[in-house]
Amino acid sequence: NMVYPQMNSLNTEDTATYFCAARADVNVVT
């Protein structure tokens, strides 16, 4: 029950608080 975002070539614009979220769905939602 784990999900891993691998973040490469980070830049200053990537600075933020990162959240994971879940939804009961088969289709991707943005």
PDB file of all heavy atoms in Angstrom:
ATOM      1  N   ASN A   1       0.831  -1.210   0.000  1.00  0.00           N
ATOM      2  CA  ASN A   1       0.000   0.000   0.000  1.00  0.00           C
ATOM      3  C   ASN A   1       0.863   1.257   0.000  1.00  0.00           C
ATOM      4  O   ASN A   1       0.646   2.187   0.785  1.00  0.00           O
ATOM      5  CB  ASN A   1      -0.953   0.006   1.198  1.00  0.00           C
ATOM      6  CG  ASN A   1      -2.066  -1.020   1.073  1.00  0.00           C
ATOM      7  OD1 ASN A   1      -2.252  -1.625   0.022  1.00  0.00           O
ATOM      8  ND2 ASN A   1      -2.812  -1.215   2.154  1.00  0.00           N
ATOM      9  N   MET A   2       1.843   1.276  -0.899  1.00  0.00           N
ATOM     10  CA  MET A   2       2.784   2.382  -0.987  1.00  0.00           C
ATOM     11  C   MET A   2       2.836   2.932  -2.407  1.00  0.00           C
ATOM     12  O   MET A   2       2.721   2.184  -3.381  1.00  0.00           O
ATOM     13  CB  MET A   2       4.189   1.936  -0.569  1.00  0.00           C
ATOM     14  CG  MET A   2       4.291   1.460   0.869  1.00  0.00           C
ATOM     15  SD  MET A   2       4.202   2.828   2.055  1.00  0.00           S
ATOM     16  CE  MET A   2       5.768   3.639   1.745  1.00  0.00           C
ATOM     17  N   VAL A   3       3.016   4.237  -2.512  1.00  0.00           N
ATOM     18  CA  VAL A   3       3.197   4.924  -3.781  1.00  0.00           C
ATOM     19  C   VAL A   3       4.418   5.818  -3.664  1.00  0.00           C
ATOM     20  O   VAL A   3       4.571   6.532  -2.670  1.00  0.00           O
ATOM     21  CB  VAL A   3       1.957   5.751  -4.164  1.00  0.00           C
ATOM     22  CG1 VAL A   3       2.204   6.517  -5.466  1.00  0.00           C
ATOM     23  CG2 VAL A   3       0.741   4.852  -4.311  1.00  0.00           C
ATOM     24  N   TYR A   4       5.276   5.796  -4.678  1.00  0.00           N
ATOM     25  CA  TYR A   4       6.552   6.509  -4.615  1.00  0.00           C
ATOM     26  C   TYR A   4       6.722   7.425  -5.820  1.00  0.00           C
ATOM     27  O   TYR A   4       6.876   6.934  -6.942  1.00  0.00           O
ATOM     28  CB  TYR A   4       7.725   5.534  -4.591  1.00  0.00           C
ATOM     29  CG  TYR A   4       7.625   4.454  -3.548  1.00  0.00           C
ATOM     30  CD1 TYR A   4       7.117   3.200  -3.877  1.00  0.00           C
ATOM     31  CD2 TYR A   4       8.057   4.674  -2.251  1.00  0.00           C
ATOM     32  CE1 TYR A   4       7.034   2.197  -2.926  1.00  0.00           C
ATOM     33  CE2 TYR A   4       7.979   3.679  -1.296  1.00  0.00           C
ATOM     34  CZ  TYR A   4       7.471   2.446  -1.640  1.00  0.00           C
ATOM     35  OH  TYR A   4       7.400   1.446  -0.697  1.00  0.00           O
ATOM     36  N   PRO A   5       6.701   8.727  -5.618  1.00  0.00           N
ATOM     37  CA  PRO A   5       7.101   9.638  -6.698  1.00  0.00           C
ATOM     38  C   PRO A   5       8.604   9.836  -6.682  1.00  0.00           C
ATOM     39  O   PRO A   5       9.153  10.322  -5.693  1.00  0.00           O
ATOM     40  CB  PRO A   5       6.369  10.939  -6.363  1.00  0.00           C
ATOM     41  CG  PRO A   5       5.467  10.631  -5.193  1.00  0.00           C
ATOM     42  CD  PRO A   5       6.084   9.464  -4.504  1.00  0.00           C
ATOM     43  N   GLN A   6       9.259   9.439  -7.764  1.00  0.00           N
ATOM     44  CA  GLN A   6      10.678   9.697  -7.935  1.00  0.00           C
ATOM     45  C   GLN A   6      10.828  11.033  -8.640  1.00  0.00           C
ATOM     46  O   GLN A   6      10.367  11.197  -9.769  1.00  0.00           O
ATOM     47  CB  GLN A   6      11.341   8.584  -8.750  1.00  0.00           C
ATOM     48  CG  GLN A   6      12.819   8.815  -9.037  1.00  0.00           C
ATOM     49  CD  GLN A   6      13.658   8.805  -7.787  1.00  0.00           C
ATOM     50  OE1 GLN A   6      13.554   7.892  -6.970  1.00  0.00           O
ATOM     51  NE2 GLN A   6      14.488   9.817  -7.621  1.00  0.00           N
ATOM     52  N   MET A   7      11.469  11.982  -7.981  1.00  0.00           N
ATOM     53  CA  MET A   7      11.589  13.342  -8.468  1.00  0.00           C
ATOM     54  C   MET A   7      13.042  13.618  -8.821  1.00  0.00           C
ATOM     55  O   MET A   7      13.895  13.680  -7.940  1.00  0.00           O
ATOM     56  CB  MET A   7      11.083  14.328  -7.412  1.00  0.00           C
ATOM     57  CG  MET A   7       9.678  14.011  -6.922  1.00  0.00           C
ATOM     58  SD  MET A   7       9.273  14.726  -5.301  1.00  0.00           S
ATOM     59  CE  MET A   7       9.510  16.459  -5.606  1.00  0.00           C
ATOM     60  N   ASN A   8      13.317  13.777 -10.112  1.00  0.00           N
ATOM     61  CA  ASN A   8      14.673  14.018 -10.593  1.00  0.00           C
ATOM     62  C   ASN A   8      14.807  15.432 -11.141  1.00  0.00           C
ATOM     63  O   ASN A   8      13.824  16.090 -11.467  1.00  0.00           O
ATOM     64  CB  ASN A   8      15.042  13.008 -11.681  1.00  0.00           C
ATOM     65  CG  ASN A   8      15.035  11.584 -11.197  1.00  0.00           C
ATOM     66  OD1 ASN A   8      15.330  11.309 -10.038  1.00  0.00           O
ATOM     67  ND2 ASN A   8      14.713  10.656 -12.095  1.00  0.00           N
ATOM     68  N   SER A   9      16.048  15.880 -11.256  1.00  0.00           N
ATOM     69  CA  SER A   9      16.364  17.195 -11.815  1.00  0.00           C
ATOM     70  C   SER A   9      15.523  18.294 -11.177  1.00  0.00           C
ATOM     71  O   SER A   9      14.917  19.120 -11.863  1.00  0.00           O
ATOM     72  CB  SER A   9      16.173  17.179 -13.335  1.00  0.00           C
ATOM     73  OG  SER A   9      16.999  16.216 -13.950  1.00  0.00           O
ATOM     74  N   LEU A  10      15.499  18.306  -9.875  1.00  0.00           N
ATOM     75  CA  LEU A  10      14.687  19.285  -9.156  1.00  0.00           C
ATOM     76  C   LEU A  10      15.215  20.698  -9.365  1.00  0.00           C
ATOM     77  O   LEU A  10      16.424  20.917  -9.479  1.00  0.00           O
ATOM     78  CB  LEU A  10      14.668  18.956  -7.665  1.00  0.00           C
ATOM     79  CG  LEU A  10      13.874  17.702  -7.279  1.00  0.00           C
ATOM     80  CD1 LEU A  10      14.196  17.280  -5.851  1.00  0.00           C
ATOM     81  CD2 LEU A  10      12.378  17.960  -7.435  1.00  0.00           C
ATOM     82  N   ASN A  11      14.296  21.643  -9.424  1.00  0.00           N
ATOM     83  CA  ASN A  11      14.653  23.048  -9.516  1.00  0.00           C
ATOM     84  C   ASN A  11      13.882  23.829  -8.460  1.00  0.00           C
ATOM     85  O   ASN A  11      13.001  23.287  -7.781  1.00  0.00           O
ATOM     86  CB  ASN A  11      14.389  23.598 -10.925  1.00  0.00           C
ATOM     87  CG  ASN A  11      12.953  23.404 -11.375  1.00  0.00           C
ATOM     88  OD1 ASN A  11      12.029  23.961 -10.791  1.00  0.00           O
ATOM     89  ND2 ASN A  11      12.765  22.615 -12.435  1.00  0.00           N
ATOM     90  N   THR A  12      14.205  25.106  -8.316  1.00  0.00           N
ATOM     91  CA  THR A  12      13.608  25.906  -7.252  1.00  0.00           C
ATOM     92  C   THR A  12      12.100  26.037  -7.390  1.00  0.00           C
ATOM     93  O   THR A  12      11.408  26.231  -6.389  1.00  0.00           O
ATOM     94  CB  THR A  12      14.243  27.300  -7.209  1.00  0.00           C
ATOM     95  OG1 THR A  12      14.108  27.939  -8.485  1.00  0.00           O
ATOM     96  CG2 THR A  12      15.722  27.207  -6.867  1.00  0.00           C
ATOM     97  N   GLU A  13      11.566  25.922  -8.592  1.00  0.00           N
ATOM     98  CA  GLU A  13      10.121  26.015  -8.792  1.00  0.00           C
ATOM     99  C   GLU A  13       9.384  24.782  -8.287  1.00  0.00           C
ATOM    100  O   GLU A  13       8.155  24.789  -8.224  1.00  0.00           O
ATOM    101  CB  GLU A  13       9.800  26.250 -10.268  1.00  0.00           C
ATOM    102  CG  GLU A  13      10.268  27.605 -10.790  1.00  0.00           C
ATOM    103  CD  GLU A  13       9.834  27.886 -12.200  1.00  0.00           C
ATOM    104  OE1 GLU A  13       9.346  26.956 -12.876  1.00  0.00           O
ATOM    105  OE2 GLU A  13       9.972  29.035 -12.650  1.00  0.00           O
ATOM    106  N   ASP A  14      10.118  23.727  -7.943  1.00  0.00           N
ATOM    107  CA  ASP A  14       9.506  22.538  -7.365  1.00  0.00           C
ATOM    108  C   ASP A  14       9.305  22.679  -5.862  1.00  0.00           C
ATOM    109  O   ASP A  14       8.726  21.784  -5.238  1.00  0.00           O
ATOM    110  CB  ASP A  14      10.358  21.299  -7.648  1.00  0.00           C
ATOM    111  CG  ASP A  14      10.420  20.968  -9.124  1.00  0.00           C
ATOM    112  OD1 ASP A  14       9.378  21.034  -9.791  1.00  0.00           O
ATOM    113  OD2 ASP A  14      11.530  20.633  -9.608  1.00  0.00           O
ATOM    114  N   THR A  15       9.788  23.755  -5.276  1.00  0.00           N
ATOM    115  CA  THR A  15       9.622  23.979  -3.844  1.00  0.00           C
ATOM    116  C   THR A  15       8.145  24.129  -3.506  1.00  0.00           C
ATOM    117  O   THR A  15       7.456  24.994  -4.043  1.00  0.00           O
ATOM    118  CB  THR A  15      10.394  25.226  -3.401  1.00  0.00           C
ATOM    119  OG1 THR A  15      11.793  25.025  -3.586  1.00  0.00           O
ATOM    120  CG2 THR A  15      10.134  25.526  -1.930  1.00  0.00           C
ATOM    121  N   ALA A  16       7.652  23.272  -2.617  1.00  0.00           N
ATOM    122  CA  ALA A  16       6.236  23.278  -2.250  1.00  0.00           C
ATOM    123  C   ALA A  16       5.997  22.217  -1.190  1.00  0.00           C
ATOM    124  O   ALA A  16       6.871  21.401  -0.885  1.00  0.00           O
ATOM    125  CB  ALA A  16       5.355  23.006  -3.472  1.00  0.00           C
ATOM    126  N   THR A  17       4.788  22.244  -0.627  1.00  0.00           N
ATOM    127  CA  THR A  17       4.318  21.150   0.204  1.00  0.00           C
ATOM    128  C   THR A  17       3.612  20.151  -0.700  1.00  0.00           C
ATOM    129  O   THR A  17       2.692  20.519  -1.433  1.00  0.00           O
ATOM    130  CB  THR A  17       3.363  21.645   1.296  1.00  0.00           C
ATOM    131  OG1 THR A  17       4.017  22.628   2.099  1.00  0.00           O
ATOM    132  CG2 THR A  17       2.932  20.494   2.187  1.00  0.00           C
ATOM    133  N   TYR A  18       4.024  18.899  -0.647  1.00  0.00           N
ATOM    134  CA  TYR A  18       3.493  17.869  -1.526  1.00  0.00           C
ATOM    135  C   TYR A  18       2.510  16.989  -0.776  1.00  0.00           C
ATOM    136  O   TYR A  18       2.789  16.521   0.330  1.00  0.00           O
ATOM    137  CB  TYR A  18       4.625  17.021  -2.103  1.00  0.00           C
ATOM    138  CG  TYR A  18       5.397  17.723  -3.197  1.00  0.00           C
ATOM    139  CD1 TYR A  18       6.292  18.745  -2.889  1.00  0.00           C
ATOM    140  CD2 TYR A  18       5.215  17.375  -4.533  1.00  0.00           C
ATOM    141  CE1 TYR A  18       6.984  19.409  -3.891  1.00  0.00           C
ATOM    142  CE2 TYR A  18       5.911  18.030  -5.535  1.00  0.00           C
ATOM    143  CZ  TYR A  18       6.789  19.045  -5.209  1.00  0.00           C
ATOM    144  OH  TYR A  18       7.478  19.699  -6.207  1.00  0.00           O
ATOM    145  N   PHE A  19       1.355  16.745  -1.401  1.00  0.00           N
ATOM    146  CA  PHE A  19       0.289  15.950  -0.818  1.00  0.00           C
ATOM    147  C   PHE A  19      -0.034  14.765  -1.722  1.00  0.00           C
ATOM    148  O   PHE A  19      -0.043  14.894  -2.945  1.00  0.00           O
ATOM    149  CB  PHE A  19      -1.000  16.772  -0.650  1.00  0.00           C
ATOM    150  CG  PHE A  19      -0.859  17.978   0.224  1.00  0.00           C
ATOM    151  CD1 PHE A  19      -0.412  19.182  -0.288  1.00  0.00           C
ATOM    152  CD2 PHE A  19      -1.195  17.908   1.567  1.00  0.00           C
ATOM    153  CE1 PHE A  19      -0.293  20.304   0.510  1.00  0.00           C
ATOM    154  CE2 PHE A  19      -1.081  19.023   2.381  1.00  0.00           C
ATOM    155  CZ  PHE A  19      -0.626  20.220   1.852  1.00  0.00           C
ATOM    156  N   CYS A  20      -0.319  13.625  -1.134  1.00  0.00           N
ATOM    157  CA  CYS A  20      -0.901  12.527  -1.884  1.00  0.00           C
ATOM    158  C   CYS A  20      -2.380  12.449  -1.559  1.00  0.00           C
ATOM    159  O   CYS A  20      -2.817  12.834  -0.472  1.00  0.00           O
ATOM    160  CB  CYS A  20      -0.203  11.187  -1.607  1.00  0.00           C
ATOM    161  SG  CYS A  20      -0.407  10.523   0.060  1.00  0.00           S
ATOM    162  N   ALA A  21      -3.157  11.977  -2.517  1.00  0.00           N
ATOM    163  CA  ALA A  21      -4.600  11.898  -2.373  1.00  0.00           C
ATOM    164  C   ALA A  21      -5.108  10.651  -3.086  1.00  0.00           C
ATOM    165  O   ALA A  21      -4.468  10.159  -4.020  1.00  0.00           O
ATOM    166  CB  ALA A  21      -5.269  13.153  -2.953  1.00  0.00           C
ATOM    167  N   ALA A  22      -6.260  10.149  -2.650  1.00  0.00           N
ATOM    168  CA  ALA A  22      -6.815   8.925  -3.219  1.00  0.00           C
ATOM    169  C   ALA A  22      -8.286   9.107  -3.553  1.00  0.00           C
ATOM    170  O   ALA A  22      -9.013   9.843  -2.876  1.00  0.00           O
ATOM    171  CB  ALA A  22      -6.639   7.754  -2.253  1.00  0.00           C
ATOM    172  N   ARG A  23      -8.708   8.401  -4.598  1.00  0.00           N
ATOM    173  CA  ARG A  23     -10.094   8.437  -5.047  1.00  0.00           C
ATOM    174  C   ARG A  23     -10.455   7.072  -5.613  1.00  0.00           C
ATOM    175  O   ARG A  23      -9.652   6.474  -6.339  1.00  0.00           O
ATOM    176  CB  ARG A  23     -10.287   9.519  -6.115  1.00  0.00           C
ATOM    177  CG  ARG A  23     -11.621   9.454  -6.841  1.00  0.00           C
ATOM    178  CD  ARG A  23     -11.667  10.454  -7.991  1.00  0.00           C
ATOM    179  NE  ARG A  23     -12.810  10.238  -8.862  1.00  0.00           N
ATOM    180  CZ  ARG A  23     -14.023  10.733  -8.659  1.00  0.00           C
ATOM    181  NH1 ARG A  23     -14.257  11.493  -7.586  1.00  0.00           N
ATOM    182  NH2 ARG A  23     -15.011  10.482  -9.503  1.00  0.00           N
ATOM    183  N   ALA A  24     -11.648   6.567  -5.291  1.00  0.00           N
ATOM    184  CA  ALA A  24     -12.118   5.297  -5.828  1.00  0.00           C
ATOM    185  C   ALA A  24     -12.514   5.494  -7.278  1.00  0.00           C
ATOM    186  O   ALA A  24     -13.601   5.981  -7.581  1.00  0.00           O
ATOM    187  CB  ALA A  24     -13.286   4.756  -5.008  1.00  0.00           C
ATOM    188  N   ASP A  25     -11.620   5.110  -8.179  1.00  0.00           N
ATOM    189  CA  ASP A  25     -11.848   5.327  -9.597  1.00  0.00           C
ATOM    190  C   ASP A  25     -10.855   4.490 -10.387  1.00  0.00           C
ATOM    191  O   ASP A  25      -9.779   4.152  -9.887  1.00  0.00           O
ATOM    192  CB  ASP A  25     -11.687   6.806  -9.954  1.00  0.00           C
ATOM    193  CG  ASP A  25     -12.513   7.230 -11.159  1.00  0.00           C
ATOM    194  OD1 ASP A  25     -12.807   6.380 -12.016  1.00  0.00           O
ATOM    195  OD2 ASP A  25     -12.865   8.422 -11.230  1.00  0.00           O
ATOM    196  N   VAL A  26     -11.209   4.166 -11.609  1.00  0.00           N
ATOM    197  CA  VAL A  26     -10.294   3.482 -12.509  1.00  0.00           C
ATOM    198  C   VAL A  26      -9.650   4.480 -13.462  1.00  0.00           C
ATOM    199  O   VAL A  26      -8.576   4.215 -14.020  1.00  0.00           O
ATOM    200  CB  VAL A  26     -11.017   2.372 -13.311  1.00  0.00           C
ATOM    201  CG1 VAL A  26     -12.056   2.974 -14.249  1.00  0.00           C
ATOM    202  CG2 VAL A  26     -10.029   1.511 -14.075  1.00  0.00           C
ATOM    203  N   ASN A  27     -10.283   5.624 -13.637  1.00  0.00           N
ATOM    204  CA  ASN A  27      -9.783   6.655 -14.529  1.00  0.00           C
ATOM    205  C   ASN A  27      -8.977   7.684 -13.754  1.00  0.00           C
ATOM    206  O   ASN A  27      -9.309   8.033 -12.620  1.00  0.00           O
ATOM    207  CB  ASN A  27     -10.934   7.351 -15.251  1.00  0.00           C
ATOM    208  CG  ASN A  27     -11.786   6.395 -16.054  1.00  0.00           C
ATOM    209  OD1 ASN A  27     -11.270   5.624 -16.862  1.00  0.00           O
ATOM    210  ND2 ASN A  27     -13.090   6.427 -15.843  1.00  0.00           N
ATOM    211  N   VAL A  28      -7.926   8.196 -14.364  1.00  0.00           N
ATOM    212  CA  VAL A  28      -7.103   9.208 -13.717  1.00  0.00           C
ATOM    213  C   VAL A  28      -7.863  10.527 -13.668  1.00  0.00           C
ATOM    214  O   VAL A  28      -8.601  10.872 -14.590  1.00  0.00           O
ATOM    215  CB  VAL A  28      -5.748   9.382 -14.429  1.00  0.00           C
ATOM    216  CG1 VAL A  28      -4.927   8.115 -14.307  1.00  0.00           C
ATOM    217  CG2 VAL A  28      -5.947   9.752 -15.890  1.00  0.00           C
ATOM    218  N   VAL A  29      -7.688  11.265 -12.573  1.00  0.00           N
ATOM    219  CA  VAL A  29      -8.353  12.527 -12.334  1.00  0.00           C
ATOM    220  C   VAL A  29      -7.309  13.534 -11.880  1.00  0.00           C
ATOM    221  O   VAL A  29      -6.456  13.215 -11.047  1.00  0.00           O
ATOM    222  CB  VAL A  29      -9.464  12.393 -11.272  1.00  0.00           C
ATOM    223  CG1 VAL A  29     -10.073  13.748 -10.956  1.00  0.00           C
ATOM    224  CG2 VAL A  29     -10.531  11.429 -11.741  1.00  0.00           C
ATOM    225  N   THR A  30      -7.376  14.750 -12.402  1.00  0.00           N
ATOM    226  CA  THR A  30      -6.396  15.775 -12.083  1.00  0.00           C
ATOM    227  C   THR A  30      -6.960  16.909 -11.232  1.00  0.00           C
ATOM    228  O   THR A  30      -6.203  17.777 -10.807  1.00  0.00           O
ATOM    229  CB  THR A  30      -5.795  16.369 -13.367  1.00  0.00           C
ATOM    230  OG1 THR A  30      -6.823  17.002 -14.140  1.00  0.00           O
ATOM    231  CG2 THR A  30      -5.145  15.281 -14.208  1.00  0.00           C
TER     232      THR A  30
END
